Protein backbone atom coordinates (compact mmCIF):
# COMPACT_ATOMS: atom_id res chain seq x y z
CA UNK A 1 130.76 137.79 174.15
CA UNK A 2 132.86 135.49 175.67
CA UNK A 3 131.08 133.19 178.52
CA UNK A 4 132.62 131.64 181.27
CA UNK A 5 131.55 128.99 183.76
CA UNK A 6 133.07 129.97 187.43
CA UNK A 7 132.82 127.15 189.94
CA UNK A 8 133.21 128.37 193.71
CA UNK A 9 132.66 126.56 196.59
CA UNK A 10 130.18 127.48 199.84
CA UNK A 11 132.89 129.40 201.43
CA UNK A 12 133.88 131.37 198.34
CA UNK A 13 130.57 132.32 198.00
CA UNK A 14 129.48 133.49 201.39
CA UNK A 15 132.82 135.44 201.27
CA UNK A 16 132.01 137.19 198.12
CA UNK A 17 128.48 138.23 199.63
CA UNK A 18 129.81 138.92 203.01
CA UNK A 19 132.56 141.68 201.34
CA UNK A 20 129.90 143.29 199.06
CA UNK A 21 127.40 143.47 202.18
CA UNK A 22 129.90 145.20 204.07
CA UNK A 23 130.72 147.64 201.21
CA UNK A 24 126.92 148.13 201.18
CA UNK A 25 127.05 149.07 204.81
CA UNK A 26 129.59 151.53 204.34
CA UNK A 27 127.70 153.15 202.05
CA UNK A 28 125.23 153.47 204.39
CA UNK A 29 127.55 154.86 207.00
CA UNK A 30 128.30 157.39 204.58
CA UNK A 31 125.05 158.34 203.57
CA UNK A 32 123.98 158.32 207.52
CA UNK A 33 127.09 161.00 208.16
CA UNK A 34 126.12 163.10 205.30
CA UNK A 35 122.71 163.45 206.22
CA UNK A 36 123.56 164.22 209.45
CA UNK A 37 125.83 166.98 209.26
CA UNK A 38 123.77 168.53 206.08
CA UNK A 39 125.95 167.82 203.16
CA UNK A 40 123.22 165.68 201.72
CA UNK A 41 120.09 167.97 201.33
CA UNK A 42 117.77 165.77 199.29
CA UNK A 43 117.72 162.75 201.38
CA UNK A 44 118.45 159.21 200.27
CA UNK A 45 114.82 157.64 201.31
CA UNK A 46 112.91 160.52 202.45
CA UNK A 47 113.12 164.19 202.47
CA UNK A 48 112.62 164.51 206.14
CA UNK A 49 116.18 164.79 207.60
CA UNK A 50 114.95 162.86 211.01
CA UNK A 51 112.78 160.31 208.93
CA UNK A 52 115.61 160.03 206.48
CA UNK A 53 118.04 159.57 209.23
CA UNK A 54 115.62 157.00 210.96
CA UNK A 55 114.87 155.02 207.65
CA UNK A 56 119.01 154.55 206.78
CA UNK A 57 119.69 153.54 210.47
CA UNK A 58 117.10 150.95 209.61
CA UNK A 59 118.41 149.92 206.73
CA UNK A 60 122.17 149.45 208.39
CA UNK A 61 120.49 147.51 211.41
CA UNK A 62 118.98 144.79 208.82
CA UNK A 63 122.60 144.94 206.84
CA UNK A 64 123.71 143.88 210.16
CA UNK A 65 121.37 141.41 210.82
CA UNK A 66 122.53 139.39 207.20
CA UNK A 67 125.50 140.18 208.08
CA UNK A 68 125.60 138.16 211.74
CA UNK A 69 123.79 135.10 209.62
CA UNK A 70 126.16 135.30 206.96
CA UNK A 71 129.70 135.53 209.24
CA UNK A 72 130.55 133.40 212.09
CA UNK A 73 129.91 135.13 215.61
CA UNK A 74 132.95 135.56 216.09
CA UNK A 75 134.02 137.68 212.81
CA UNK A 76 131.03 139.41 213.32
CA UNK A 77 132.10 140.57 216.90
CA UNK A 78 135.31 141.58 215.53
CA UNK A 79 133.91 143.42 212.82
CA UNK A 80 131.57 145.14 215.26
CA UNK A 81 134.62 145.91 217.52
CA UNK A 82 137.01 146.65 214.68
CA UNK A 83 134.40 150.01 214.02
CA UNK A 84 131.91 148.44 211.69
CA UNK A 85 130.83 152.06 211.11
CA UNK A 86 134.12 153.49 209.48
CA UNK A 87 133.61 154.30 205.68
CA UNK A 88 137.37 152.96 205.22
CA UNK A 89 137.32 149.98 202.97
CA UNK A 90 140.28 148.49 204.70
CA UNK A 91 138.24 148.07 207.99
CA UNK A 92 135.69 145.58 206.19
CA UNK A 93 138.21 143.19 204.84
């Protein structure tokens, strides 16, 4: 196996982290939508539907907190305005 050393400046590393977090947030959006309309019946975190929805929403709020810390205020507000709850990957870029 070959090994590579990659050097990233702070902005590049931060951008990667933000994009991964946005992708994971979009996954929670999809999970929440499936759970609410009964397409997901086993639950993501808990078997009780209402408790599971609340837990998904708590995780989403935590991701929003981390994203707000890792993004400029302007970028974070624009992301929210664009419809951060969209599951479209294009909306996250």
